PDB file of N, CA and C in Angstrom:
ATOM      1  N   MET A   1       0.793  -1.226  -0.037  1.00  0.00           N
ATOM      2  CA  MET A   1      -0.009  -0.037  -0.048  1.00  0.00           C
ATOM      3  C   MET A   1       0.884   1.266  -0.022  1.00  0.00           C
ATOM      4  N   ALA A   2       2.005   1.177   0.708  1.00  0.00           N
ATOM      5  CA  ALA A   2       2.863   2.367   0.852  1.00  0.00           C
ATOM      6  C   ALA A   2       3.457   2.640  -0.593  1.00  0.00           C
ATOM      7  N   LYS A   3       3.746   1.595  -1.329  1.00  0.00           N
ATOM      8  CA  LYS A   3       4.392   1.749  -2.674  1.00  0.00           C
ATOM      9  C   LYS A   3       3.335   2.421  -3.601  1.00  0.00           C
ATOM     10  N   ILE A   4       2.134   2.057  -3.488  1.00  0.00           N
ATOM     11  CA  ILE A   4       1.020   2.689  -4.336  1.00  0.00           C
ATOM     12  C   ILE A   4       0.965   4.156  -3.982  1.00  0.00           C
ATOM     13  N   SER A   5       0.922   4.457  -2.696  1.00  0.00           N
ATOM     14  CA  SER A   5       0.821   5.849  -2.274  1.00  0.00           C
ATOM     15  C   SER A   5       1.910   6.687  -2.756  1.00  0.00           C
ATOM     16  N   LYS A   6       3.121   6.126  -2.662  1.00  0.00           N
ATOM     17  CA  LYS A   6       4.380   6.906  -3.126  1.00  0.00           C
ATOM     18  C   LYS A   6       4.282   7.067  -4.601  1.00  0.00           C
ATOM     19  N   ALA A   7       3.861   6.056  -5.331  1.00  0.00           N
ATOM     20  CA  ALA A   7       3.795   6.143  -6.806  1.00  0.00           C
ATOM     21  C   ALA A   7       2.754   7.247  -7.179  1.00  0.00           C
ATOM     22  N   LEU A   8       1.621   7.286  -6.446  1.00  0.00           N
ATOM     23  CA  LEU A   8       0.647   8.315  -6.742  1.00  0.00           C
ATOM     24  C   LEU A   8       1.051   9.651  -6.477  1.00  0.00           C
ATOM     25  N   ARG A   9       2.020   9.874  -5.599  1.00  0.00           N
ATOM     26  CA  ARG A   9       2.547  11.188  -5.264  1.00  0.00           C
ATOM     27  C   ARG A   9       3.526  11.636  -6.305  1.00  0.00           C
ATOM     28  N   THR A  10       4.224  10.680  -6.974  1.00  0.00           N
ATOM     29  CA  THR A  10       5.255  11.069  -7.931  1.00  0.00           C
ATOM     30  C   THR A  10       4.676  11.584  -9.271  1.00  0.00           C
ATOM     31  N   ILE A  11       3.360  11.232  -9.570  1.00  0.00           N
ATOM     32  CA  ILE A  11       2.768  11.801 -10.763  1.00  0.00           C
ATOM     33  C   ILE A  11       2.526  13.245 -10.687  1.00  0.00           C
ATOM     34  N   PRO A  12       1.761  13.721  -9.688  1.00  0.00           N
ATOM     35  CA  PRO A  12       1.575  15.244  -9.677  1.00  0.00           C
ATOM     36  C   PRO A  12       2.938  16.026  -9.419  1.00  0.00           C
ATOM     37  N   ILE A  13       3.852  15.450  -8.648  1.00  0.00           N
ATOM     38  CA  ILE A  13       5.067  16.133  -8.360  1.00  0.00           C
ATOM     39  C   ILE A  13       5.886  16.167  -9.625  1.00  0.00           C
ATOM     40  N   GLY A  14       5.854  15.093 -10.467  1.00  0.00           N
ATOM     41  CA  GLY A  14       6.539  15.122 -11.768  1.00  0.00           C
ATOM     42  C   GLY A  14       5.906  16.186 -12.639  1.00  0.00           C
ATOM     43  N   LEU A  15       4.617  16.319 -12.694  1.00  0.00           N
ATOM     44  CA  LEU A  15       4.023  17.404 -13.539  1.00  0.00           C
ATOM     45  C   LEU A  15       4.438  18.770 -13.039  1.00  0.00           C
ATOM     46  N   ILE A  16       4.521  18.897 -11.746  1.00  0.00           N
ATOM     47  CA  ILE A  16       4.965  20.254 -11.144  1.00  0.00           C
ATOM     48  C   ILE A  16       6.344  20.546 -11.583  1.00  0.00           C
ATOM     49  N   LYS A  17       7.198  19.490 -11.509  1.00  0.00           N
ATOM     50  CA  LYS A  17       8.667  19.663 -11.831  1.00  0.00           C
ATOM     51  C   LYS A  17       8.756  20.107 -13.323  1.00  0.00           C
ATOM     52  N   VAL A  18       7.923  19.457 -14.229  1.00  0.00           N
ATOM     53  CA  VAL A  18       8.019  19.842 -15.628  1.00  0.00           C
ATOM     54  C   VAL A  18       7.658  21.323 -15.789  1.00  0.00           C
ATOM     55  N   TYR A  19       6.618  21.752 -15.012  1.00  0.00           N
ATOM     56  CA  TYR A  19       6.224  23.168 -15.062  1.00  0.00           C
ATOM     57  C   TYR A  19       7.391  24.118 -14.534  1.00  0.00           C
ATOM     58  N   GLN A  20       8.021  23.652 -13.472  1.00  0.00           N
ATOM     59  CA  GLN A  20       9.129  24.448 -12.938  1.00  0.00           C
ATOM     60  C   GLN A  20      10.271  24.513 -13.854  1.00  0.00           C
ATOM     61  N   TRP A  21      10.587  23.446 -14.620  1.00  0.00           N
ATOM     62  CA  TRP A  21      11.746  23.435 -15.535  1.00  0.00           C
ATOM     63  C   TRP A  21      11.500  24.201 -16.788  1.00  0.00           C
ATOM     64  N   PHE A  22      10.257  23.951 -17.410  1.00  0.00           N
ATOM     65  CA  PHE A  22      10.065  24.478 -18.741  1.00  0.00           C
ATOM     66  C   PHE A  22       9.204  25.671 -18.882  1.00  0.00           C
ATOM     67  N   ILE A  23       8.179  25.731 -18.071  1.00  0.00           N
ATOM     68  CA  ILE A  23       7.144  26.854 -18.277  1.00  0.00           C
ATOM     69  C   ILE A  23       7.439  28.019 -17.342  1.00  0.00           C
ATOM     70  N   SER A  24       7.794  27.817 -16.078  1.00  0.00           N
ATOM     71  CA  SER A  24       8.074  28.851 -15.122  1.00  0.00           C
ATOM     72  C   SER A  24       9.208  29.829 -15.611  1.00  0.00           C
ATOM     73  N   PRO A  25      10.308  29.284 -16.117  1.00  0.00           N
ATOM     74  CA  PRO A  25      11.358  30.182 -16.579  1.00  0.00           C
ATOM     75  C   PRO A  25      10.868  31.152 -17.753  1.00  0.00           C
ATOM     76  N   LEU A  26       9.892  30.752 -18.475  1.00  0.00           N
ATOM     77  CA  LEU A  26       9.374  31.583 -19.547  1.00  0.00           C
ATOM     78  C   LEU A  26       8.497  32.712 -18.962  1.00  0.00           C
ATOM     79  N   LEU A  27       7.829  32.409 -17.875  1.00  0.00           N
ATOM     80  CA  LEU A  27       6.994  33.418 -17.243  1.00  0.00           C
ATOM     81  C   LEU A  27       7.665  34.389 -16.388  1.00  0.00           C
ATOM     82  N   GLY A  28       8.772  34.044 -15.821  1.00  0.00           N
ATOM     83  CA  GLY A  28       9.519  34.850 -14.948  1.00  0.00           C
ATOM     84  C   GLY A  28       9.014  34.793 -13.567  1.00  0.00           C
ATOM     85  N   PRO A  29       9.750  35.454 -12.544  1.00  0.00           N
ATOM     86  CA  PRO A  29       9.319  35.368 -11.173  1.00  0.00           C
ATOM     87  C   PRO A  29       8.180  36.361 -10.898  1.00  0.00           C
ATOM     88  N   HIS A  30       7.044  35.874 -10.561  1.00  0.00           N
ATOM     89  CA  HIS A  30       5.922  36.753 -10.296  1.00  0.00           C
ATOM     90  C   HIS A  30       5.234  36.309  -8.980  1.00  0.00           C
ATOM     91  N   CYS A  31       5.760  35.340  -8.271  1.00  0.00           N
ATOM     92  CA  CYS A  31       5.031  34.789  -7.155  1.00  0.00           C
ATOM     93  C   CYS A  31       5.167  35.780  -5.937  1.00  0.00           C
ATOM     94  N   ARG A  32       3.975  36.021  -5.245  1.00  0.00           N
ATOM     95  CA  ARG A  32       3.959  36.922  -4.098  1.00  0.00           C
ATOM     96  C   ARG A  32       4.191  36.212  -2.796  1.00  0.00           C
ATOM     97  N   PHE A  33       4.358  34.825  -2.846  1.00  0.00           N
ATOM     98  CA  PHE A  33       4.620  34.058  -1.690  1.00  0.00           C
ATOM     99  C   PHE A  33       5.914  33.456  -1.634  1.00  0.00           C
ATOM    100  N   TYR A  34       6.421  33.067  -0.460  1.00  0.00           N
ATOM    101  CA  TYR A  34       7.523  32.231  -0.198  1.00  0.00           C
ATOM    102  C   TYR A  34       7.136  31.098   0.679  1.00  0.00           C
ATOM    103  N   PRO A  35       7.418  29.873   0.213  1.00  0.00           N
ATOM    104  CA  PRO A  35       7.980  29.443  -1.011  1.00  0.00           C
ATOM    105  C   PRO A  35       7.016  29.571  -2.089  1.00  0.00           C
ATOM    106  N   SER A  36       7.406  29.477  -3.358  1.00  0.00           N
ATOM    107  CA  SER A  36       6.566  29.688  -4.498  1.00  0.00           C
ATOM    108  C   SER A  36       5.419  28.681  -4.501  1.00  0.00           C
ATOM    109  N   CYS A  37       4.367  28.924  -5.205  1.00  0.00           N
ATOM    110  CA  CYS A  37       3.236  27.999  -5.233  1.00  0.00           C
ATOM    111  C   CYS A  37       3.615  26.588  -5.703  1.00  0.00           C
ATOM    112  N   SER A  38       4.508  26.510  -6.642  1.00  0.00           N
ATOM    113  CA  SER A  38       4.818  25.181  -7.188  1.00  0.00           C
ATOM    114  C   SER A  38       5.672  24.345  -6.138  1.00  0.00           C
ATOM    115  N   HIS A  39       6.685  25.114  -5.380  1.00  0.00           N
ATOM    116  CA  HIS A  39       7.390  24.453  -4.381  1.00  0.00           C
ATOM    117  C   HIS A  39       6.481  24.063  -3.216  1.00  0.00           C
ATOM    118  N   TYR A  40       5.549  24.970  -2.894  1.00  0.00           N
ATOM    119  CA  TYR A  40       4.520  24.654  -1.843  1.00  0.00           C
ATOM    120  C   TYR A  40       3.724  23.454  -2.179  1.00  0.00           C
ATOM    121  N   ALA A  41       3.338  23.337  -3.427  1.00  0.00           N
ATOM    122  CA  ALA A  41       2.477  22.168  -3.849  1.00  0.00           C
ATOM    123  C   ALA A  41       3.243  20.918  -3.719  1.00  0.00           C
ATOM    124  N   CYS A  42       4.520  20.902  -4.099  1.00  0.00           N
ATOM    125  CA  CYS A  42       5.369  19.674  -4.027  1.00  0.00           C
ATOM    126  C   CYS A  42       5.551  19.303  -2.565  1.00  0.00           C
ATOM    127  N   GLU A  43       5.840  20.225  -1.755  1.00  0.00           N
ATOM    128  CA  GLU A  43       5.990  19.924  -0.324  1.00  0.00           C
ATOM    129  C   GLU A  43       4.677  19.514   0.353  1.00  0.00           C
ATOM    130  N   ALA A  44       3.594  20.059   0.012  1.00  0.00           N
ATOM    131  CA  ALA A  44       2.276  19.672   0.584  1.00  0.00           C
ATOM    132  C   ALA A  44       1.916  18.260   0.093  1.00  0.00           C
ATOM    133  N   ILE A  45       2.193  17.855  -1.063  1.00  0.00           N
ATOM    134  CA  ILE A  45       1.923  16.524  -1.585  1.00  0.00           C
ATOM    135  C   ILE A  45       2.839  15.516  -0.815  1.00  0.00           C
ATOM    136  N   GLN A  46       4.063  15.916  -0.711  1.00  0.00           N
ATOM    137  CA  GLN A  46       5.022  15.053   0.075  1.00  0.00           C
ATOM    138  C   GLN A  46       4.684  14.759   1.511  1.00  0.00           C
ATOM    139  N   LYS A  47       4.179  15.899   2.246  1.00  0.00           N
ATOM    140  CA  LYS A  47       3.903  15.845   3.643  1.00  0.00           C
ATOM    141  C   LYS A  47       2.439  15.238   3.880  1.00  0.00           C
ATOM    142  N   HIS A  48       1.493  15.561   3.100  1.00  0.00           N
ATOM    143  CA  HIS A  48       0.062  15.269   3.385  1.00  0.00           C
ATOM    144  C   HIS A  48      -0.498  14.264   2.449  1.00  0.00           C
ATOM    145  N   GLY A  49       0.163  13.802   1.405  1.00  0.00           N
ATOM    146  CA  GLY A  49      -0.423  12.830   0.409  1.00  0.00           C
ATOM    147  C   GLY A  49      -1.006  13.603  -0.704  1.00  0.00           C
ATOM    148  N   THR A  50      -1.428  12.885  -1.690  1.00  0.00           N
ATOM    149  CA  THR A  50      -1.816  13.429  -3.010  1.00  0.00           C
ATOM    150  C   THR A  50      -3.118  14.261  -2.872  1.00  0.00           C
ATOM    151  N   ILE A  51      -4.110  13.748  -2.256  1.00  0.00           N
ATOM    152  CA  ILE A  51      -5.464  14.352  -2.267  1.00  0.00           C
ATOM    153  C   ILE A  51      -5.356  15.656  -1.428  1.00  0.00           C
ATOM    154  N   ARG A  52      -4.944  15.549  -0.182  1.00  0.00           N
ATOM    155  CA  ARG A  52      -4.865  16.674   0.763  1.00  0.00           C
ATOM    156  C   ARG A  52      -3.803  17.676   0.231  1.00  0.00           C
ATOM    157  N   GLY A  53      -2.683  17.207  -0.351  1.00  0.00           N
ATOM    158  CA  GLY A  53      -1.703  18.072  -0.816  1.00  0.00           C
ATOM    159  C   GLY A  53      -2.263  18.940  -1.969  1.00  0.00           C
ATOM    160  N   ILE A  54      -2.867  18.309  -2.842  1.00  0.00           N
ATOM    161  CA  ILE A  54      -3.492  19.114  -4.031  1.00  0.00           C
ATOM    162  C   ILE A  54      -4.503  20.045  -3.537  1.00  0.00           C
ATOM    163  N   GLY A  55      -5.218  19.687  -2.472  1.00  0.00           N
ATOM    164  CA  GLY A  55      -6.259  20.570  -1.954  1.00  0.00           C
ATOM    165  C   GLY A  55      -5.560  21.760  -1.301  1.00  0.00           C
ATOM    166  N   LEU A  56      -4.496  21.593  -0.534  1.00  0.00           N
ATOM    167  CA  LEU A  56      -3.744  22.698   0.055  1.00  0.00           C
ATOM    168  C   LEU A  56      -3.125  23.542  -0.993  1.00  0.00           C
ATOM    169  N   ALA A  57      -2.672  22.899  -2.010  1.00  0.00           N
ATOM    170  CA  ALA A  57      -2.060  23.769  -3.101  1.00  0.00           C
ATOM    171  C   ALA A  57      -3.128  24.613  -3.883  1.00  0.00           C
ATOM    172  N   ALA A  58      -4.318  24.066  -3.953  1.00  0.00           N
ATOM    173  CA  ALA A  58      -5.429  24.770  -4.575  1.00  0.00           C
ATOM    174  C   ALA A  58      -5.833  25.951  -3.747  1.00  0.00           C
ATOM    175  N   LEU A  59      -5.911  25.728  -2.494  1.00  0.00           N
ATOM    176  CA  LEU A  59      -6.183  26.940  -1.539  1.00  0.00           C
ATOM    177  C   LEU A  59      -5.118  28.035  -1.672  1.00  0.00           C
ATOM    178  N   ARG A  60      -3.898  27.531  -1.776  1.00  0.00           N
ATOM    179  CA  ARG A  60      -2.766  28.437  -1.809  1.00  0.00           C
ATOM    180  C   ARG A  60      -2.886  29.326  -3.108  1.00  0.00           C
ATOM    181  N   ILE A  61      -3.107  28.613  -4.265  1.00  0.00           N
ATOM    182  CA  ILE A  61      -3.274  29.368  -5.508  1.00  0.00           C
ATOM    183  C   ILE A  61      -4.440  30.236  -5.502  1.00  0.00           C
ATOM    184  N   GLY A  62      -5.480  29.853  -4.769  1.00  0.00           N
ATOM    185  CA  GLY A  62      -6.681  30.722  -4.724  1.00  0.00           C
ATOM    186  C   GLY A  62      -6.364  32.043  -3.860  1.00  0.00           C
ATOM    187  N   LYS A  63      -5.320  32.072  -3.037  1.00  0.00           N
ATOM    188  CA  LYS A  63      -4.945  33.264  -2.379  1.00  0.00           C
ATOM    189  C   LYS A  63      -4.055  34.177  -3.183  1.00  0.00           C
ATOM    190  N   CYS A  64      -3.681  33.715  -4.438  1.00  0.00           N
ATOM    191  CA  CYS A  64      -2.753  34.401  -5.206  1.00  0.00           C
ATOM    192  C   CYS A  64      -3.555  35.499  -6.047  1.00  0.00           C
ATOM    193  N   HIS A  65      -3.750  36.712  -5.545  1.00  0.00           N
ATOM    194  CA  HIS A  65      -4.495  37.729  -6.274  1.00  0.00           C
ATOM    195  C   HIS A  65      -3.961  39.107  -5.637  1.00  0.00           C
ATOM    196  N   PRO A  66      -4.132  40.170  -6.351  1.00  0.00           N
ATOM    197  CA  PRO A  66      -3.647  41.467  -5.993  1.00  0.00           C
ATOM    198  C   PRO A  66      -4.100  42.005  -4.532  1.00  0.00           C
ATOM    199  N   ALA A  67      -5.246  41.549  -4.108  1.00  0.00           N
ATOM    200  CA  ALA A  67      -5.721  42.004  -2.807  1.00  0.00           C
ATOM    201  C   ALA A  67      -5.063  41.259  -1.606  1.00  0.00           C
ATOM    202  N   HIS A  68      -4.340  40.182  -1.883  1.00  0.00           N
ATOM    203  CA  HIS A  68      -3.709  39.421  -0.817  1.00  0.00           C
ATOM    204  C   HIS A  68      -2.238  39.899  -0.780  1.00  0.00           C
ATOM    205  N   GLU A  69      -1.731  40.163   0.416  1.00  0.00           N
ATOM    206  CA  GLU A  69      -0.386  40.663   0.588  1.00  0.00           C
ATOM    207  C   GLU A  69       0.748  39.723   0.238  1.00  0.00           C
ATOM    208  N   GLY A  70       0.439  38.409   0.350  1.00  0.00           N
ATOM    209  CA  GLY A  70       1.531  37.393   0.186  1.00  0.00           C
ATOM    210  C   GLY A  70       2.402  37.258   1.320  1.00  0.00           C
ATOM    211  N   GLY A  71       3.706  36.912   1.069  1.00  0.00           N
ATOM    212  CA  GLY A  71       4.674  36.744   2.126  1.00  0.00           C
ATOM    213  C   GLY A  71       4.934  35.307   2.442  1.00  0.00           C
ATOM    214  N   TYR A  72       5.486  35.102   3.602  1.00  0.00           N
ATOM    215  CA  TYR A  72       5.915  33.686   4.040  1.00  0.00           C
ATOM    216  C   TYR A  72       4.608  32.861   4.326  1.00  0.00           C
ATOM    217  N   ASP A  73       4.486  31.756   3.683  1.00  0.00           N
ATOM    218  CA  ASP A  73       3.298  30.957   3.964  1.00  0.00           C
ATOM    219  C   ASP A  73       3.730  29.429   3.832  1.00  0.00           C
ATOM    220  N   PRO A  74       4.157  28.921   4.873  1.00  0.00           N
ATOM    221  CA  PRO A  74       4.675  27.481   4.966  1.00  0.00           C
ATOM    222  C   PRO A  74       3.596  26.463   4.844  1.00  0.00           C
ATOM    223  N   VAL A  75       3.925  25.261   4.391  1.00  0.00           N
ATOM    224  CA  VAL A  75       2.951  24.161   4.403  1.00  0.00           C
ATOM    225  C   VAL A  75       2.674  23.770   5.878  1.00  0.00           C
ATOM    226  N   PRO A  76       1.407  23.610   6.301  1.00  0.00           N
ATOM    227  CA  PRO A  76       1.187  23.215   7.659  1.00  0.00           C
ATOM    228  C   PRO A  76       1.715  21.795   7.916  1.00  0.00           C
ATOM    229  N   PRO A  77       2.095  21.497   9.168  1.00  0.00           N
ATOM    230  CA  PRO A  77       2.590  20.196   9.482  1.00  0.00           C
ATOM    231  C   PRO A  77       1.539  19.141   9.412  1.00  0.00           C
ATOM    232  N   ALA A  78       2.035  17.971   9.054  1.00  0.00           N
ATOM    233  CA  ALA A  78       1.079  16.852   8.947  1.00  0.00           C
ATOM    234  C   ALA A  78       0.707  16.376  10.412  1.00  0.00           C
ATOM    235  N   LYS A  79      -0.388  15.742  10.538  1.00  0.00           N
ATOM    236  CA  LYS A  79      -0.821  15.359  11.865  1.00  0.00           C
ATOM    237  C   LYS A  79       0.131  14.446  12.509  1.00  0.00           C
ATOM    238  N   GLN A  80       0.790  13.551  11.745  1.00  0.00           N
ATOM    239  CA  GLN A  80       1.763  12.648  12.415  1.00  0.00           C
ATOM    240  C   GLN A  80       3.063  13.372  12.746  1.00  0.00           C
ATOM    241  N   ASP A  81       3.341  14.516  12.174  1.00  0.00           N
ATOM    242  CA  ASP A  81       4.482  15.324  12.471  1.00  0.00           C
ATOM    243  C   ASP A  81       4.287  16.196  13.761  1.00  0.00           C
ATOM    244  N   ALA A  82       3.071  16.341  14.163  1.00  0.00           N
ATOM    245  CA  ALA A  82       2.717  17.174  15.318  1.00  0.00           C
ATOM    246  C   ALA A  82       3.352  16.526  16.547  1.00  0.00           C
ATOM    247  N   LYS A  83       3.796  17.375  17.481  1.00  0.00           N
ATOM    248  CA  LYS A  83       4.448  16.806  18.667  1.00  0.00           C
ATOM    249  C   LYS A  83       3.329  16.331  19.685  1.00  0.00           C
ATOM    250  N   PRO A  84       3.591  15.105  20.215  1.00  0.00           N
ATOM    251  CA  PRO A  84       2.630  14.597  21.162  1.00  0.00           C
ATOM    252  C   PRO A  84       2.600  15.464  22.407  1.00  0.00           C
ATOM    253  N   GLU A  85       1.494  15.418  23.094  1.00  0.00           N
ATOM    254  CA  GLU A  85       1.376  16.116  24.323  1.00  0.00           C
ATOM    255  C   GLU A  85       2.281  15.444  25.416  1.00  0.00           C
ATOM    256  N   ASN A  86       2.885  16.377  26.199  1.00  0.00           N
ATOM    257  CA  ASN A  86       3.784  15.811  27.241  1.00  0.00           C
ATOM    258  C   ASN A  86       2.983  15.572  28.516  1.00  0.00           C
ATOM    259  N   ASN A  87       2.597  14.392  28.702  1.00  0.00           N
ATOM    260  CA  ASN A  87       1.801  14.059  29.909  1.00  0.00           C
ATOM    261  C   ASN A  87       2.720  13.450  31.023  1.00  0.00           C
ATOM    262  N   SER A  88       3.342  14.303  31.777  1.00  0.00           N
ATOM    263  CA  SER A  88       4.357  13.905  32.732  1.00  0.00           C
ATOM    264  C   SER A  88       3.826  12.996  33.748  1.00  0.00           C
ATOM    265  N   GLU A  89       2.607  13.208  34.183  1.00  0.00           N
ATOM    266  CA  GLU A  89       1.984  12.371  35.282  1.00  0.00           C
ATOM    267  C   GLU A  89       1.937  10.890  34.842  1.00  0.00           C
ATOM    268  N   SER A  90       1.451  10.636  33.674  1.00  0.00           N
ATOM    269  CA  SER A  90       1.348   9.263  33.238  1.00  0.00           C
ATOM    270  C   SER A  90       2.686   8.650  33.023  1.00  0.00           C
ATOM    271  N   GLU A  91       3.652   9.459  32.511  1.00  0.00           N
ATOM    272  CA  GLU A  91       4.986   9.036  32.250  1.00  0.00           C
ATOM    273  C   GLU A  91       5.611   8.563  33.623  1.00  0.00           C
ATOM    274  N   SER A  92       5.469   9.458  34.648  1.00  0.00           N
ATOM    275  CA  SER A  92       6.070   9.090  35.948  1.00  0.00           C
ATOM    276  C   SER A  92       5.416   7.880  36.528  1.00  0.00           C
ATOM    277  N   LEU A  93       4.173   7.656  36.291  1.00  0.00           N
ATOM    278  CA  LEU A  93       3.521   6.486  36.842  1.00  0.00           C
ATOM    279  C   LEU A  93       4.101   5.237  36.140  1.00  0.00           C
ATOM    280  N   LEU A  94       4.467   5.362  34.833  1.00  0.00           N
ATOM    281  CA  LEU A  94       4.943   4.201  34.166  1.00  0.00           C
ATOM    282  C   LEU A  94       6.331   3.901  34.538  1.00  0.00           C
ATOM    283  N   LYS A  95       7.109   4.819  34.946  1.00  0.00           N
ATOM    284  CA  LYS A  95       8.529   4.675  35.298  1.00  0.00           C
ATOM    285  C   LYS A  95       8.698   4.181  36.718  1.00  0.00           C
ATOM    286  N   GLN A  96       7.693   4.239  37.615  1.00  0.00           N
ATOM    287  CA  GLN A  96       7.852   3.835  38.939  1.00  0.00           C
ATOM    288  C   GLN A  96       7.996   2.336  39.077  1.00  0.00           C
ATOM    289  N   PRO A  97       8.860   1.824  39.891  1.00  0.00           N
ATOM    290  CA  PRO A  97       8.977   0.507  40.029  1.00  0.00           C
ATOM    291  C   PRO A  97       7.835  -0.127  40.858  1.00  0.00           C
ATOM    292  N   THR A  98       7.477  -1.263  40.405  1.00  0.00           N
ATOM    293  CA  THR A  98       6.379  -1.992  41.091  1.00  0.00           C
ATOM    294  C   THR A  98       6.834  -3.086  42.053  1.00  0.00           C
ATOM    295  N   GLU A  99       6.209  -3.255  43.146  1.00  0.00           N
ATOM    296  CA  GLU A  99       6.659  -4.291  44.078  1.00  0.00           C
ATOM    297  C   GLU A  99       5.672  -5.406  44.031  1.00  0.00           C
ATOM    298  N   THR A 100       6.131  -6.593  44.026  1.00  0.00           N
ATOM    299  CA  THR A 100       5.282  -7.709  44.095  1.00  0.00           C
ATOM    300  C   THR A 100       5.696  -8.530  45.343  1.00  0.00           C
ATOM    301  N   LYS A 101       4.679  -9.000  46.095  1.00  0.00           N
ATOM    302  CA  LYS A 101       4.962  -9.744  47.291  1.00  0.00           C
ATOM    303  C   LYS A 101       4.596 -11.224  47.005  1.00  0.00           C
ATOM    304  N   SER A 102       5.442 -11.971  47.325  1.00  0.00           N
ATOM    305  CA  SER A 102       5.160 -13.411  47.150  1.00  0.00           C
ATOM    306  C   SER A 102       4.529 -14.003  48.458  1.00  0.00           C
ATOM    307  N   LEU A 103       3.533 -14.844  48.266  1.00  0.00           N
ATOM    308  CA  LEU A 103       2.839 -15.439  49.441  1.00  0.00           C
ATOM    309  C   LEU A 103       3.395 -16.701  49.807  1.00  0.00           C
TER     310      LEU A 103
END
């Protein structure tokens, strides 16, 4: 299943790379965001998968208009990349030695 997921990610990323190499140089630098929308799309697909990554890229492209100020807009972290809550009470209970009495 992981191989299929990775293969499905390479198709849109490959299309984006073709755009970056051949079409984008002809258009020139016009992006109001950092990272550029095409780099954002590649990173979003790699972090979040094909469907969610394309959705995030579409939302980002939707923000690309003269009324939006642009600027630094990173890809949000994936849920599995989020740091787990530090529950020190439960950790301390797990680390305490347990005593057993033999009868």
